[in-house]
Each structure stands twice: as C-alpha cells, then as structure tokens.
Amino acid sequence: MGLRAAKKQFREVLKMAYKIDAGTCVNCGTCEPDCPVGAIAENGGHREIDASKCLSCGTCASVCPASAISEA
C-alpha cells in the first residue's frame, strides 16, 4: 500500500475532517495558504474544506480569525 492509499484509509477510519461554517466565514482566505494539503478553496463567497483531502491537522482552525472552522 502506498502512502497516498494509507492516508486515505486513515482519514476514512477517523472521519474527522474539519468544516467551515459558511454563515460565520468572512472569506478572508487566511486559512487557505496554511492548509498543508490544499484542501481549502473558495466557493460561493466563503471557503470550503474538501473532506477527502483534509488531514484533520487543525491548522486552518488555529489561524481562522472568525473562528468559523471546527471538527466535522
């Protein structure tokens, strides 16, 4: 099993991806460059996290000035 497959299997077991509350997100973009796997992108005036890429590291939540990011 390769590293990519192992990471995917690990995420599926934990199912702990982070999420961004669209109502709280101010779309400042602070979280996006800090995500080590590029799981965050803009969508409809706010940022969204691609749960299939998220490593659940919490980096995005720690830098969000609006506290819009939490564990799913």
PDB file of N, CA and C in Angstrom:
ATOM      1  N   MET A   1       0.864  -1.184   0.000  1.00  0.00           N
ATOM      2  CA  MET A   1       0.000   0.000   0.000  1.00  0.00           C
ATOM      3  C   MET A   1       0.899   1.232   0.000  1.00  0.00           C
ATOM      4  N   GLY A   2       0.592   2.151  -0.901  1.00  0.00           N
ATOM      5  CA  GLY A   2       1.357   3.381  -0.984  1.00  0.00           C
ATOM      6  C   GLY A   2       0.941   4.384   0.081  1.00  0.00           C
ATOM      7  N   LEU A   3       1.713   5.441   0.216  1.00  0.00           N
ATOM      8  CA  LEU A   3       1.444   6.473   1.221  1.00  0.00           C
ATOM      9  C   LEU A   3       0.098   7.142   0.996  1.00  0.00           C
ATOM     10  N   ARG A   4      -0.225   7.448  -0.242  1.00  0.00           N
ATOM     11  CA  ARG A   4      -1.500   8.098  -0.549  1.00  0.00           C
ATOM     12  C   ARG A   4      -2.680   7.205  -0.137  1.00  0.00           C
ATOM     13  N   ALA A   5      -2.597   5.934  -0.453  1.00  0.00           N
ATOM     14  CA  ALA A   5      -3.663   4.994  -0.089  1.00  0.00           C
ATOM     15  C   ALA A   5      -3.765   4.859   1.429  1.00  0.00           C
ATOM     16  N   ALA A   6      -2.633   4.853   2.106  1.00  0.00           N
ATOM     17  CA  ALA A   6      -2.637   4.740   3.566  1.00  0.00           C
ATOM     18  C   ALA A   6      -3.279   5.968   4.206  1.00  0.00           C
ATOM     19  N   LYS A   7      -2.968   7.152   3.692  1.00  0.00           N
ATOM     20  CA  LYS A   7      -3.571   8.387   4.218  1.00  0.00           C
ATOM     21  C   LYS A   7      -5.081   8.370   4.014  1.00  0.00           C
ATOM     22  N   LYS A   8      -5.514   7.932   2.839  1.00  0.00           N
ATOM     23  CA  LYS A   8      -6.946   7.882   2.546  1.00  0.00           C
ATOM     24  C   LYS A   8      -7.649   6.911   3.494  1.00  0.00           C
ATOM     25  N   GLN A   9      -7.055   5.751   3.695  1.00  0.00           N
ATOM     26  CA  GLN A   9      -7.648   4.769   4.596  1.00  0.00           C
ATOM     27  C   GLN A   9      -7.700   5.303   6.022  1.00  0.00           C
ATOM     28  N   PHE A  10      -6.654   5.980   6.466  1.00  0.00           N
ATOM     29  CA  PHE A  10      -6.604   6.562   7.800  1.00  0.00           C
ATOM     30  C   PHE A  10      -7.716   7.597   7.978  1.00  0.00           C
ATOM     31  N   ARG A  11      -7.901   8.482   6.999  1.00  0.00           N
ATOM     32  CA  ARG A  11      -8.951   9.505   7.078  1.00  0.00           C
ATOM     33  C   ARG A  11     -10.335   8.872   7.113  1.00  0.00           C
ATOM     34  N   GLU A  12     -10.530   7.809   6.340  1.00  0.00           N
ATOM     35  CA  GLU A  12     -11.835   7.154   6.316  1.00  0.00           C
ATOM     36  C   GLU A  12     -12.164   6.528   7.657  1.00  0.00           C
ATOM     37  N   VAL A  13     -11.171   6.012   8.343  1.00  0.00           N
ATOM     38  CA  VAL A  13     -11.387   5.404   9.650  1.00  0.00           C
ATOM     39  C   VAL A  13     -11.747   6.484  10.671  1.00  0.00           C
ATOM     40  N   LEU A  14     -11.018   7.586  10.658  1.00  0.00           N
ATOM     41  CA  LEU A  14     -11.248   8.638  11.653  1.00  0.00           C
ATOM     42  C   LEU A  14     -12.454   9.509  11.335  1.00  0.00           C
ATOM     43  N   LYS A  15     -12.684   9.809  10.058  1.00  0.00           N
ATOM     44  CA  LYS A  15     -13.782  10.683   9.627  1.00  0.00           C
ATOM     45  C   LYS A  15     -13.864  11.951  10.474  1.00  0.00           C
ATOM     46  N   MET A  16     -12.726  12.620  10.630  1.00  0.00           N
ATOM     47  CA  MET A  16     -12.658  13.804  11.481  1.00  0.00           C
ATOM     48  C   MET A  16     -12.322  15.071  10.693  1.00  0.00           C
ATOM     49  N   ALA A  17     -12.656  15.132   9.434  1.00  0.00           N
ATOM     50  CA  ALA A  17     -12.333  16.312   8.641  1.00  0.00           C
ATOM     51  C   ALA A  17     -12.951  17.558   9.260  1.00  0.00           C
ATOM     52  N   TYR A  18     -12.292  18.665   9.082  1.00  0.00           N
ATOM     53  CA  TYR A  18     -12.798  19.941   9.592  1.00  0.00           C
ATOM     54  C   TYR A  18     -13.821  20.512   8.624  1.00  0.00           C
ATOM     55  N   LYS A  19     -14.631  21.436   9.100  1.00  0.00           N
ATOM     56  CA  LYS A  19     -15.629  22.093   8.253  1.00  0.00           C
ATOM     57  C   LYS A  19     -15.619  23.588   8.552  1.00  0.00           C
ATOM     58  N   ILE A  20     -16.072  24.349   7.583  1.00  0.00           N
ATOM     59  CA  ILE A  20     -16.158  25.806   7.726  1.00  0.00           C
ATOM     60  C   ILE A  20     -17.625  26.195   7.739  1.00  0.00           C
ATOM     61  N   ASP A  21     -18.019  26.930   8.758  1.00  0.00           N
ATOM     62  CA  ASP A  21     -19.397  27.425   8.865  1.00  0.00           C
ATOM     63  C   ASP A  21     -19.547  28.605   7.907  1.00  0.00           C
ATOM     64  N   ALA A  22     -20.327  28.405   6.837  1.00  0.00           N
ATOM     65  CA  ALA A  22     -20.496  29.429   5.804  1.00  0.00           C
ATOM     66  C   ALA A  22     -21.082  30.720   6.368  1.00  0.00           C
ATOM     67  N   GLY A  23     -21.913  30.629   7.386  1.00  0.00           N
ATOM     68  CA  GLY A  23     -22.516  31.817   7.983  1.00  0.00           C
ATOM     69  C   GLY A  23     -21.549  32.633   8.818  1.00  0.00           C
ATOM     70  N   THR A  24     -20.502  31.998   9.302  1.00  0.00           N
ATOM     71  CA  THR A  24     -19.511  32.675  10.141  1.00  0.00           C
ATOM     72  C   THR A  24     -18.280  33.102   9.347  1.00  0.00           C
ATOM     73  N   CYS A  25     -17.984  32.371   8.275  1.00  0.00           N
ATOM     74  CA  CYS A  25     -16.803  32.647   7.446  1.00  0.00           C
ATOM     75  C   CYS A  25     -16.903  34.043   6.834  1.00  0.00           C
ATOM     76  N   VAL A  26     -15.820  34.821   6.993  1.00  0.00           N
ATOM     77  CA  VAL A  26     -15.781  36.170   6.425  1.00  0.00           C
ATOM     78  C   VAL A  26     -15.008  36.189   5.096  1.00  0.00           C
ATOM     79  N   ASN A  27     -14.630  34.998   4.602  1.00  0.00           N
ATOM     80  CA  ASN A  27     -13.958  34.833   3.315  1.00  0.00           C
ATOM     81  C   ASN A  27     -12.658  35.629   3.215  1.00  0.00           C
ATOM     82  N   CYS A  28     -11.934  35.693   4.327  1.00  0.00           N
ATOM     83  CA  CYS A  28     -10.669  36.434   4.329  1.00  0.00           C
ATOM     84  C   CYS A  28      -9.545  35.663   3.649  1.00  0.00           C
ATOM     85  N   GLY A  29      -9.659  34.323   3.606  1.00  0.00           N
ATOM     86  CA  GLY A  29      -8.665  33.499   2.941  1.00  0.00           C
ATOM     87  C   GLY A  29      -7.453  33.157   3.787  1.00  0.00           C
ATOM     88  N   THR A  30      -7.445  33.525   5.048  1.00  0.00           N
ATOM     89  CA  THR A  30      -6.300  33.251   5.913  1.00  0.00           C
ATOM     90  C   THR A  30      -6.002  31.761   6.005  1.00  0.00           C
ATOM     91  N   CYS A  31      -7.027  30.947   6.026  1.00  0.00           N
ATOM     92  CA  CYS A  31      -6.866  29.501   6.196  1.00  0.00           C
ATOM     93  C   CYS A  31      -6.278  28.807   4.970  1.00  0.00           C
ATOM     94  N   GLU A  32      -6.611  29.282   3.806  1.00  0.00           N
ATOM     95  CA  GLU A  32      -6.267  28.568   2.572  1.00  0.00           C
ATOM     96  C   GLU A  32      -4.770  28.315   2.392  1.00  0.00           C
ATOM     97  N   PRO A  33      -3.904  29.323   2.491  1.00  0.00           N
ATOM     98  CA  PRO A  33      -2.479  29.049   2.281  1.00  0.00           C
ATOM     99  C   PRO A  33      -1.835  28.246   3.408  1.00  0.00           C
ATOM    100  N   ASP A  34      -2.462  28.206   4.569  1.00  0.00           N
ATOM    101  CA  ASP A  34      -1.899  27.459   5.691  1.00  0.00           C
ATOM    102  C   ASP A  34      -2.232  25.977   5.656  1.00  0.00           C
ATOM    103  N   CYS A  35      -3.156  25.560   4.807  1.00  0.00           N
ATOM    104  CA  CYS A  35      -3.524  24.146   4.710  1.00  0.00           C
ATOM    105  C   CYS A  35      -2.388  23.386   4.021  1.00  0.00           C
ATOM    106  N   PRO A  36      -1.799  22.399   4.708  1.00  0.00           N
ATOM    107  CA  PRO A  36      -0.646  21.705   4.129  1.00  0.00           C
ATOM    108  C   PRO A  36      -0.969  20.809   2.932  1.00  0.00           C
ATOM    109  N   VAL A  37      -2.246  20.513   2.701  1.00  0.00           N
ATOM    110  CA  VAL A  37      -2.616  19.637   1.583  1.00  0.00           C
ATOM    111  C   VAL A  37      -3.516  20.322   0.559  1.00  0.00           C
ATOM    112  N   GLY A  38      -3.716  21.624   0.687  1.00  0.00           N
ATOM    113  CA  GLY A  38      -4.527  22.349  -0.287  1.00  0.00           C
ATOM    114  C   GLY A  38      -5.978  21.933  -0.317  1.00  0.00           C
ATOM    115  N   ALA A  39      -6.543  21.639   0.857  1.00  0.00           N
ATOM    116  CA  ALA A  39      -7.925  21.155   0.926  1.00  0.00           C
ATOM    117  C   ALA A  39      -8.960  22.277   0.991  1.00  0.00           C
ATOM    118  N   ILE A  40      -8.519  23.537   1.050  1.00  0.00           N
ATOM    119  CA  ILE A  40      -9.446  24.652   1.214  1.00  0.00           C
ATOM    120  C   ILE A  40      -9.503  25.480  -0.063  1.00  0.00           C
ATOM    121  N   ALA A  41     -10.729  25.817  -0.482  1.00  0.00           N
ATOM    122  CA  ALA A  41     -10.927  26.643  -1.673  1.00  0.00           C
ATOM    123  C   ALA A  41     -12.156  27.519  -1.479  1.00  0.00           C
ATOM    124  N   GLU A  42     -12.207  28.604  -2.244  1.00  0.00           N
ATOM    125  CA  GLU A  42     -13.364  29.498  -2.186  1.00  0.00           C
ATOM    126  C   GLU A  42     -14.522  28.897  -2.965  1.00  0.00           C
ATOM    127  N   ASN A  43     -15.739  29.087  -2.422  1.00  0.00           N
ATOM    128  CA  ASN A  43     -16.934  28.601  -3.104  1.00  0.00           C
ATOM    129  C   ASN A  43     -18.123  29.424  -2.637  1.00  0.00           C
ATOM    130  N   GLY A  44     -18.674  30.208  -3.496  1.00  0.00           N
ATOM    131  CA  GLY A  44     -19.887  30.953  -3.189  1.00  0.00           C
ATOM    132  C   GLY A  44     -19.738  32.008  -2.102  1.00  0.00           C
ATOM    133  N   GLY A  45     -18.613  32.685  -2.070  1.00  0.00           N
ATOM    134  CA  GLY A  45     -18.426  33.769  -1.108  1.00  0.00           C
ATOM    135  C   GLY A  45     -17.905  33.328   0.248  1.00  0.00           C
ATOM    136  N   HIS A  46     -17.523  32.070   0.367  1.00  0.00           N
ATOM    137  CA  HIS A  46     -16.899  31.588   1.599  1.00  0.00           C
ATOM    138  C   HIS A  46     -15.940  30.453   1.231  1.00  0.00           C
ATOM    139  N   ARG A  47     -15.166  30.018   2.184  1.00  0.00           N
ATOM    140  CA  ARG A  47     -14.214  28.928   1.951  1.00  0.00           C
ATOM    141  C   ARG A  47     -14.860  27.601   2.326  1.00  0.00           C
ATOM    142  N   GLU A  48     -14.439  26.536   1.641  1.00  0.00           N
ATOM    143  CA  GLU A  48     -14.901  25.188   1.946  1.00  0.00           C
ATOM    144  C   GLU A  48     -13.702  24.262   2.040  1.00  0.00           C
ATOM    145  N   ILE A  49     -13.842  23.211   2.848  1.00  0.00           N
ATOM    146  CA  ILE A  49     -12.792  22.219   3.011  1.00  0.00           C
ATOM    147  C   ILE A  49     -13.221  20.935   2.303  1.00  0.00           C
ATOM    148  N   ASP A  50     -12.351  20.422   1.465  1.00  0.00           N
ATOM    149  CA  ASP A  50     -12.583  19.155   0.793  1.00  0.00           C
ATOM    150  C   ASP A  50     -12.236  18.054   1.796  1.00  0.00           C
ATOM    151  N   ALA A  51     -13.256  17.403   2.336  1.00  0.00           N
ATOM    152  CA  ALA A  51     -13.053  16.394   3.379  1.00  0.00           C
ATOM    153  C   ALA A  51     -12.206  15.222   2.898  1.00  0.00           C
ATOM    154  N   SER A  52     -12.207  14.950   1.602  1.00  0.00           N
ATOM    155  CA  SER A  52     -11.421  13.832   1.096  1.00  0.00           C
ATOM    156  C   SER A  52      -9.919  14.137   1.110  1.00  0.00           C
ATOM    157  N   LYS A  53      -9.558  15.410   1.202  1.00  0.00           N
ATOM    158  CA  LYS A  53      -8.151  15.808   1.266  1.00  0.00           C
ATOM    159  C   LYS A  53      -7.705  16.161   2.685  1.00  0.00           C
ATOM    160  N   CYS A  54      -8.633  16.561   3.524  1.00  0.00           N
ATOM    161  CA  CYS A  54      -8.326  17.069   4.863  1.00  0.00           C
ATOM    162  C   CYS A  54      -7.607  16.016   5.710  1.00  0.00           C
ATOM    163  N   LEU A  55      -6.519  16.421   6.358  1.00  0.00           N
ATOM    164  CA  LEU A  55      -5.749  15.541   7.230  1.00  0.00           C
ATOM    165  C   LEU A  55      -6.175  15.669   8.694  1.00  0.00           C
ATOM    166  N   SER A  56      -7.110  16.555   8.968  1.00  0.00           N
ATOM    167  CA  SER A  56      -7.575  16.809  10.331  1.00  0.00           C
ATOM    168  C   SER A  56      -6.456  17.306  11.239  1.00  0.00           C
ATOM    169  N   CYS A  57      -5.568  18.119  10.677  1.00  0.00           N
ATOM    170  CA  CYS A  57      -4.447  18.627  11.471  1.00  0.00           C
ATOM    171  C   CYS A  57      -4.852  19.816  12.339  1.00  0.00           C
ATOM    172  N   GLY A  58      -5.920  20.527  11.943  1.00  0.00           N
ATOM    173  CA  GLY A  58      -6.402  21.651  12.726  1.00  0.00           C
ATOM    174  C   GLY A  58      -5.697  22.968  12.472  1.00  0.00           C
ATOM    175  N   THR A  59      -4.763  22.991  11.545  1.00  0.00           N
ATOM    176  CA  THR A  59      -4.037  24.223  11.246  1.00  0.00           C
ATOM    177  C   THR A  59      -4.985  25.333  10.821  1.00  0.00           C
ATOM    178  N   CYS A  60      -5.948  25.008   9.981  1.00  0.00           N
ATOM    179  CA  CYS A  60      -6.896  26.005   9.484  1.00  0.00           C
ATOM    180  C   CYS A  60      -7.688  26.626  10.642  1.00  0.00           C
ATOM    181  N   ALA A  61      -8.143  25.799  11.552  1.00  0.00           N
ATOM    182  CA  ALA A  61      -8.932  26.288  12.686  1.00  0.00           C
ATOM    183  C   ALA A  61      -8.097  27.202  13.577  1.00  0.00           C
ATOM    184  N   SER A  62      -6.823  26.891  13.700  1.00  0.00           N
ATOM    185  CA  SER A  62      -5.972  27.686  14.582  1.00  0.00           C
ATOM    186  C   SER A  62      -5.660  29.075  14.027  1.00  0.00           C
ATOM    187  N   VAL A  63      -5.773  29.261  12.698  1.00  0.00           N
ATOM    188  CA  VAL A  63      -5.467  30.570  12.115  1.00  0.00           C
ATOM    189  C   VAL A  63      -6.710  31.380  11.742  1.00  0.00           C
ATOM    190  N   CYS A  64      -7.894  30.784  11.809  1.00  0.00           N
ATOM    191  CA  CYS A  64      -9.119  31.468  11.392  1.00  0.00           C
ATOM    192  C   CYS A  64      -9.480  32.594  12.363  1.00  0.00           C
ATOM    193  N   PRO A  65      -9.472  33.850  11.878  1.00  0.00           N
ATOM    194  CA  PRO A  65      -9.776  34.976  12.771  1.00  0.00           C
ATOM    195  C   PRO A  65     -11.252  35.072  13.153  1.00  0.00           C
ATOM    196  N   ALA A  66     -12.120  34.383  12.411  1.00  0.00           N
ATOM    197  CA  ALA A  66     -13.559  34.437  12.686  1.00  0.00           C
ATOM    198  C   ALA A  66     -14.045  33.215  13.467  1.00  0.00           C
ATOM    199  N   SER A  67     -13.144  32.312  13.787  1.00  0.00           N
ATOM    200  CA  SER A  67     -13.500  31.055  14.496  1.00  0.00           C
ATOM    201  C   SER A  67     -14.611  30.309  13.760  1.00  0.00           C
ATOM    202  N   ALA A  68     -14.510  30.283  12.439  1.00  0.00           N
ATOM    203  CA  ALA A  68     -15.535  29.651  11.598  1.00  0.00           C
ATOM    204  C   ALA A  68     -15.233  28.190  11.294  1.00  0.00           C
ATOM    205  N   ILE A  69     -14.105  27.667  11.768  1.00  0.00           N
ATOM    206  CA  ILE A  69     -13.688  26.315  11.421  1.00  0.00           C
ATOM    207  C   ILE A  69     -13.691  25.427  12.658  1.00  0.00           C
ATOM    208  N   SER A  70     -14.309  24.249  12.495  1.00  0.00           N
ATOM    209  CA  SER A  70     -14.372  23.295  13.607  1.00  0.00           C
ATOM    210  C   SER A  70     -14.338  21.880  13.058  1.00  0.00           C
ATOM    211  N   GLU A  71     -14.164  20.902  13.947  1.00  0.00           N
ATOM    212  CA  GLU A  71     -14.197  19.497  13.529  1.00  0.00           C
ATOM    213  C   GLU A  71     -15.604  19.148  13.056  1.00  0.00           C
ATOM    214  N   ALA A  72     -15.659  18.374  11.993  1.00  0.00           N
ATOM    215  CA  ALA A  72     -16.956  17.957  11.454  1.00  0.00           C
ATOM    216  C   ALA A  72     -17.613  16.932  12.340  1.00  0.00           C
TER     217      ALA A  72
END
